[in-house]
Every structure is written in C-alpha cells, then in structure tokens.
Protein backbone atom coordinates (compact mmCIF):
# COMPACT_ATOMS: atom_id res chain seq x y z
CA UNK A 1 27.58 -95.76 5.22
CA UNK A 2 28.98 -92.44 4.24
CA UNK A 3 30.41 -94.11 1.14
CA UNK A 4 27.04 -95.76 0.20
CA UNK A 5 25.60 -92.33 0.76
CA UNK A 6 28.04 -90.46 -1.80
CA UNK A 7 27.63 -93.18 -4.03
CA UNK A 8 23.90 -92.95 -4.11
CA UNK A 9 24.05 -88.93 -4.39
CA UNK A 10 26.42 -89.61 -7.39
CA UNK A 11 24.36 -91.84 -9.21
CA UNK A 12 21.08 -89.54 -8.53
CA UNK A 13 23.34 -86.56 -10.26
CA UNK A 14 24.05 -88.77 -13.18
CA UNK A 15 20.32 -89.77 -13.63
CA UNK A 16 19.31 -86.02 -13.18
CA UNK A 17 21.69 -84.98 -16.00
CA UNK A 18 20.37 -87.83 -18.28
CA UNK A 19 16.72 -86.94 -17.37
CA UNK A 20 17.13 -83.30 -18.30
CA UNK A 21 19.14 -83.89 -21.50
CA UNK A 22 17.28 -84.17 -24.87
CA UNK A 23 17.61 -87.63 -26.55
CA UNK A 24 20.65 -87.59 -29.21
CA UNK A 25 19.76 -87.48 -33.18
CA UNK A 26 21.35 -90.54 -35.14
CA UNK A 27 22.59 -89.44 -38.37
CA UNK A 28 23.49 -92.14 -41.13
CA UNK A 29 27.19 -91.34 -41.84
CA UNK A 30 29.97 -93.67 -43.71
CA UNK A 31 30.28 -97.17 -42.29
CA UNK A 32 28.18 -96.19 -39.15
CA UNK A 33 26.02 -93.52 -37.71
CA UNK A 34 26.84 -89.93 -36.08
CA UNK A 35 25.07 -89.11 -32.70
CA UNK A 36 24.35 -85.66 -32.24
CA UNK A 37 23.81 -84.71 -28.86
CA UNK A 38 22.77 -81.12 -27.98
CA UNK A 39 23.85 -80.04 -24.58
CA UNK A 40 22.82 -76.49 -23.58
CA UNK A 41 23.12 -73.20 -25.30
CA UNK A 42 26.29 -73.39 -27.37
CA UNK A 43 27.43 -76.81 -26.16
CA UNK A 44 27.22 -80.01 -28.25
CA UNK A 45 28.49 -83.50 -28.36
CA UNK A 46 29.29 -85.39 -31.49
CA UNK A 47 30.20 -89.39 -31.52
CA UNK A 48 31.01 -91.30 -34.64
CA UNK A 49 33.28 -94.74 -34.74
CA UNK A 50 34.17 -94.31 -31.09
CA UNK A 51 35.20 -90.87 -31.47
CA UNK A 52 34.04 -88.09 -28.89
CA UNK A 53 33.94 -84.64 -30.04
CA UNK A 54 33.03 -81.85 -27.53
CA UNK A 55 32.26 -78.65 -29.19
CA UNK A 56 32.38 -75.28 -26.68
CA UNK A 57 31.94 -77.55 -23.34
CA UNK A 58 30.53 -74.79 -21.01
CA UNK A 59 28.01 -74.43 -18.23
CA UNK A 60 28.61 -76.72 -15.83
CA UNK A 61 30.48 -80.36 -15.95
CA UNK A 62 27.28 -81.82 -14.75
CA UNK A 63 25.68 -81.37 -18.29
CA UNK A 64 28.27 -83.84 -19.36
CA UNK A 65 27.59 -86.60 -16.54
CA UNK A 66 27.26 -90.07 -18.31
CA UNK A 67 28.86 -89.28 -21.57
CA UNK A 68 32.10 -90.60 -22.51
CA UNK A 69 35.19 -88.40 -22.21
CA UNK A 70 36.41 -86.49 -25.20
CA UNK A 71 38.61 -87.21 -27.54
CA UNK A 72 38.54 -83.99 -29.35
CA UNK A 73 37.53 -80.60 -27.90
CA UNK A 74 36.88 -77.80 -30.55
CA UNK A 75 36.27 -74.28 -29.04
CA UNK A 76 34.94 -71.29 -30.94
CA UNK A 77 35.97 -68.06 -28.90
CA UNK A 78 36.99 -66.83 -25.54
CA UNK A 79 33.74 -65.74 -24.20
CA UNK A 80 32.44 -67.86 -21.11
CA UNK A 81 29.67 -69.15 -22.90
CA UNK A 82 32.04 -71.14 -25.16
CA UNK A 83 35.42 -71.07 -23.35
CA UNK A 84 34.53 -71.95 -19.69
CA UNK A 85 37.61 -73.08 -17.85
CA UNK A 86 35.83 -74.40 -14.74
CA UNK A 87 33.90 -76.84 -16.91
CA UNK A 88 37.01 -77.99 -18.91
CA UNK A 89 39.06 -78.72 -15.57
CA UNK A 90 36.03 -80.79 -14.16
CA UNK A 91 35.57 -83.11 -17.39
CA UNK A 92 38.22 -85.78 -17.92
CA UNK A 93 40.56 -84.12 -20.62
CA UNK A 94 43.41 -86.38 -20.32
CA UNK A 95 43.21 -87.97 -23.77
CA UNK A 96 41.50 -84.99 -25.56
CA UNK A 97 43.16 -82.85 -28.36
CA UNK A 98 42.06 -79.37 -28.35
CA UNK A 99 41.35 -77.57 -31.66
CA UNK A 100 40.97 -73.52 -30.85
CA UNK A 101 42.02 -70.24 -32.12
CA UNK A 102 45.19 -68.57 -30.60
CA UNK A 103 42.60 -66.41 -28.19
CA UNK A 104 41.31 -69.31 -26.58
CA UNK A 105 44.60 -71.05 -26.49
CA UNK A 106 46.12 -68.02 -24.51
CA UNK A 107 43.06 -68.54 -21.99
CA UNK A 108 43.07 -72.32 -21.59
CA UNK A 109 43.80 -73.70 -18.21
CA UNK A 110 47.80 -74.01 -17.47
CA UNK A 111 46.73 -77.92 -16.51
CA UNK A 112 46.15 -78.72 -20.32
CA UNK A 113 49.47 -80.17 -21.94
CA UNK A 114 50.24 -77.66 -24.69
CA UNK A 115 51.10 -80.59 -26.80
CA UNK A 116 47.63 -81.54 -26.64
CA UNK A 117 46.45 -78.10 -28.21
CA UNK A 118 46.25 -77.22 -32.11
CA UNK A 119 45.97 -73.59 -32.69
CA UNK A 120 44.06 -73.08 -36.03
CA UNK A 121 43.39 -69.61 -37.61
CA UNK A 122 40.84 -68.51 -40.04
CA UNK A 123 40.88 -70.42 -43.60
CA UNK A 124 43.47 -72.85 -42.08
CA UNK A 125 42.53 -76.81 -41.95
CA UNK A 126 43.87 -79.64 -39.82
CA UNK A 127 42.85 -83.68 -39.20
CA UNK A 128 42.90 -84.64 -35.69
CA UNK A 129 41.71 -88.64 -35.19
CA UNK A 130 40.33 -88.69 -38.39
CA UNK A 131 38.20 -85.68 -38.28
CA UNK A 132 38.83 -83.07 -40.94
CA UNK A 133 38.49 -79.31 -39.47
CA UNK A 134 38.06 -76.18 -41.41
CA UNK A 135 38.36 -72.90 -39.36
CA UNK A 136 35.87 -70.52 -40.70
CA UNK A 137 36.01 -66.87 -39.68
CA UNK A 138 33.15 -65.72 -37.40
CA UNK A 139 32.37 -61.92 -36.41
CA UNK A 140 30.02 -59.18 -36.26
CA UNK A 141 28.93 -57.06 -39.02
CA UNK A 142 29.63 -54.22 -39.63
CA UNK A 143 33.22 -54.83 -38.67
CA UNK A 144 34.52 -52.49 -36.01
CA UNK A 145 37.53 -52.59 -33.54
CA UNK A 146 35.39 -52.67 -30.87
CA UNK A 147 32.57 -55.06 -31.90
CA UNK A 148 31.84 -58.10 -29.69
CA UNK A 149 33.31 -60.53 -31.90
CA UNK A 150 36.43 -59.23 -34.16
CA UNK A 151 37.41 -61.14 -37.43
CA UNK A 152 40.34 -63.22 -36.68
CA UNK A 153 39.64 -63.67 -33.05
CA UNK A 154 37.54 -66.81 -32.92
CA UNK A 155 36.79 -69.57 -35.13
CA UNK A 156 33.43 -71.18 -36.51
CA UNK A 157 34.27 -74.92 -37.94
CA UNK A 158 33.57 -77.29 -40.61
CA UNK A 159 34.09 -80.81 -39.30
CA UNK A 160 34.30 -83.62 -41.82
CA UNK A 161 32.98 -86.78 -39.90
CA UNK A 162 32.06 -90.05 -41.56
CA UNK A 163 31.54 -88.48 -44.87
CA UNK A 164 29.34 -85.52 -43.27
CA UNK A 165 30.15 -82.18 -43.07
CA UNK A 166 28.92 -80.61 -40.13
CA UNK A 167 29.25 -76.66 -39.71
CA UNK A 168 29.22 -75.16 -36.30
CA UNK A 169 28.77 -71.40 -36.54
CA UNK A 170 29.95 -69.94 -33.33
CA UNK A 171 29.08 -66.30 -32.61
CA UNK A 172 28.63 -64.64 -35.88
CA UNK A 173 26.97 -62.39 -38.36
CA UNK A 174 25.57 -63.68 -41.74
CA UNK A 175 29.06 -63.05 -43.16
CA UNK A 176 30.44 -63.91 -46.92
CA UNK A 177 32.37 -66.76 -45.29
CA UNK A 178 29.31 -68.30 -43.86
CA UNK A 179 27.32 -67.49 -46.99
CA UNK A 180 29.91 -69.14 -49.27
CA UNK A 181 29.70 -72.41 -47.59
CA UNK A 182 29.06 -75.70 -49.93
CA UNK A 183 27.71 -79.12 -49.48
CA UNK A 184 27.11 -78.71 -45.60
CA UNK A 185 24.82 -81.65 -44.26
CA UNK A 186 24.23 -80.51 -40.87
CA UNK A 187 24.42 -76.70 -39.47
CA UNK A 188 24.59 -75.26 -36.22
CA UNK A 189 23.67 -71.78 -36.34
CA UNK A 190 23.58 -68.93 -33.80
CA UNK A 191 20.68 -66.37 -33.35
CA UNK A 192 20.81 -63.94 -30.24
CA UNK A 193 20.73 -60.33 -30.04
CA UNK A 194 22.41 -58.08 -29.63
CA UNK A 195 25.57 -60.48 -29.75
CA UNK A 196 24.92 -62.14 -33.01
CA UNK A 197 22.10 -62.26 -35.61
CA UNK A 198 18.30 -62.03 -35.34
CA UNK A 199 16.14 -64.62 -36.39
CA UNK A 200 15.44 -63.01 -39.82
CA UNK A 201 19.08 -62.66 -40.43
CA UNK A 202 19.97 -66.06 -39.28
CA UNK A 203 17.03 -67.60 -41.72
CA UNK A 204 18.61 -65.72 -44.69
CA UNK A 205 22.11 -66.90 -44.04
CA UNK A 206 20.68 -70.47 -43.96
CA UNK A 207 18.85 -69.98 -47.17
CA UNK A 208 22.23 -68.63 -48.94
CA UNK A 209 24.32 -71.83 -48.03
CA UNK A 210 21.28 -74.58 -48.18
CA UNK A 211 22.60 -77.29 -45.73
CA UNK A 212 20.65 -80.42 -45.75
CA UNK A 213 19.58 -80.24 -41.87
CA UNK A 214 20.04 -76.95 -39.53
CA UNK A 215 19.88 -76.86 -35.88
CA UNK A 216 19.34 -73.35 -34.63
CA UNK A 217 21.17 -73.38 -31.45
CA UNK A 218 22.65 -70.36 -29.04
CA UNK A 219 19.40 -68.75 -29.40
CA UNK A 220 17.94 -67.83 -25.93
CA UNK A 221 15.56 -65.26 -26.02
CA UNK A 222 14.62 -65.56 -29.92
CA UNK A 223 11.57 -67.57 -31.39
CA UNK A 224 13.03 -70.73 -33.43
CA UNK A 225 9.60 -71.50 -34.75
CA UNK A 226 9.82 -67.97 -36.60
CA UNK A 227 13.17 -69.15 -37.99
CA UNK A 228 11.83 -72.43 -39.03
CA UNK A 229 8.97 -70.89 -40.79
CA UNK A 230 11.06 -68.33 -42.69
CA UNK A 231 13.60 -70.94 -43.82
CA UNK A 232 11.05 -73.57 -44.82
CA UNK A 233 9.13 -70.55 -46.65
CA UNK A 234 12.31 -69.78 -48.56
CA UNK A 235 13.31 -73.88 -49.34
CA UNK A 236 11.10 -76.53 -47.85
CA UNK A 237 13.93 -78.93 -48.43
CA UNK A 238 15.84 -77.81 -45.48
CA UNK A 239 15.40 -79.91 -42.40
CA UNK A 240 14.89 -77.60 -39.55
CA UNK A 241 15.54 -79.30 -36.37
CA UNK A 242 14.20 -77.37 -33.14
CA UNK A 243 15.78 -79.09 -29.88
CA UNK A 244 15.73 -77.86 -26.25
CA UNK A 245 19.17 -76.42 -25.82
CA UNK A 246 18.19 -74.98 -22.27
CA UNK A 247 16.73 -78.01 -20.18
CA UNK A 248 17.00 -76.02 -16.71
CA UNK A 249 15.11 -72.87 -18.03
CA UNK A 250 12.08 -71.57 -19.96
CA UNK A 251 13.49 -70.84 -23.74
CA UNK A 252 11.91 -67.71 -24.38
CA UNK A 253 13.72 -65.39 -21.74
CA UNK A 254 15.56 -61.91 -22.40
CA UNK A 255 18.27 -63.41 -20.02
CA UNK A 256 21.84 -63.84 -21.88
CA UNK A 257 24.53 -66.30 -20.63
CA UNK A 258 27.46 -63.99 -21.54
C-alpha cells in the first residue's frame, strides 16, 4: 500500500508540473524542429535532434519533472536565479556537459565531474554535442567594480542549433556586445529593475540587433505588453512572444527572486 501511495504521489507531482508549464513553441530548423520550453523566470529548455539543452536550471527540480534529462547545461551567472546548486543536484545531470563561466565553475557542486565542465570566457567559442556556443559579455552599465553584474564574470550565449541562432541574454544592460549581434533568429532578453534593464531600454536594445523573434524573460515586475508595444512601434517585423514565465505567481509583482 505504501509503495502504491508513493507512486500515486509521484505521478500527481509530474501531472501538476505539466499542468502549470506553458506549452513549448516549435520552430522549424534544419532537418527538424527546435522545441522551446519556457520553465520559469530565467530557466528554459531547448530540444533539437534528440539533444536537450537546459538554460539556467533554477527554482526547483519539480519544474523540470516530465522533461528528458539534459545533454547540455549552460549557466550564465552566479546569482541564485541562474546558478541553483540544489536544483542541479536534484535533476539527472549524469550525461550532461556544463558550459559555464569560471565564476560559475567555482561554485558548482563537488558531485559534478570536472571532466564534464567546459569553462568559457567572454568572446570565446566551443562546440558541444553539435551545438556551437559563443559566450557574449553580460554586465551592468555604467560599469563599476561594485555593480551587481561586472564585465567578465558572467556570460550571455549565442547557441547555433539546427541552423538557428538563439541568443540568451542573462543579466545584462544594453551593452555594445548585445547591440552588435547579427542574424539572431530567437532572442531571450531580460528586463527587471534594479538588476538589469527597464522595459524601454530592453526594447531599444532589441531594435538595435533586430532578432527575428524575441521572448521577454527574467521580467518579474515589468510590463511585457509595453515592451511589445515599443518593439513593434519601432519594427513591426519582430515577432514579440509573450509567455507566462511565472506559473506559480502573479506576473506583475515587485518581488524579486534574487
């Protein structure tokens, strides 16, 4: 009876996670589809050609229930809404390669095999499991030694998957490195004060590098409808995709996860 009860509870947990999770978007890519699964706040999962890519898995392992284990994990920064060691230890990372900046590598759980960790500095590139990964500088402006995000510590990323270029901003301002991006198909762009950009600045940055599609994410407390309005006022061709990144809470709140 106890075993049956535990099975029922586990199944209920998976069904609850599936019920709260928004449906993935499917993007046509070379020889297949790229699945884009928002999870929460700064976390998402990409799937292409049988490869599962977790971006900043954080918040709670239950948010990833029912999803296939990661083959690749990219982490942008050391803050708890990006680097969550409890979540990392709770999900199945046995076959996962980690691509991280040095500051994140220094804080990963000791249980992670160092052979599975690829350290990438700003401006550098690696290819893991058929995915080309470029590390993009992410930092606050104006630059200062006591900024919440200093240049060189964290990485944004451009992932080239199935011929599609996917930009993950991480926590950043509208930096020259972001504005100089070219040929981005899908962008995930942060906006939450006082940690990153406000809506107006984020919209201006997007209009500078002109992705085909953009997801506002990491936006708790910000008006994403206003972001969409500003972007499409400047460029109607950019597909602004509004999704629920906060399934367990009201989106408009001044609370911050950091």
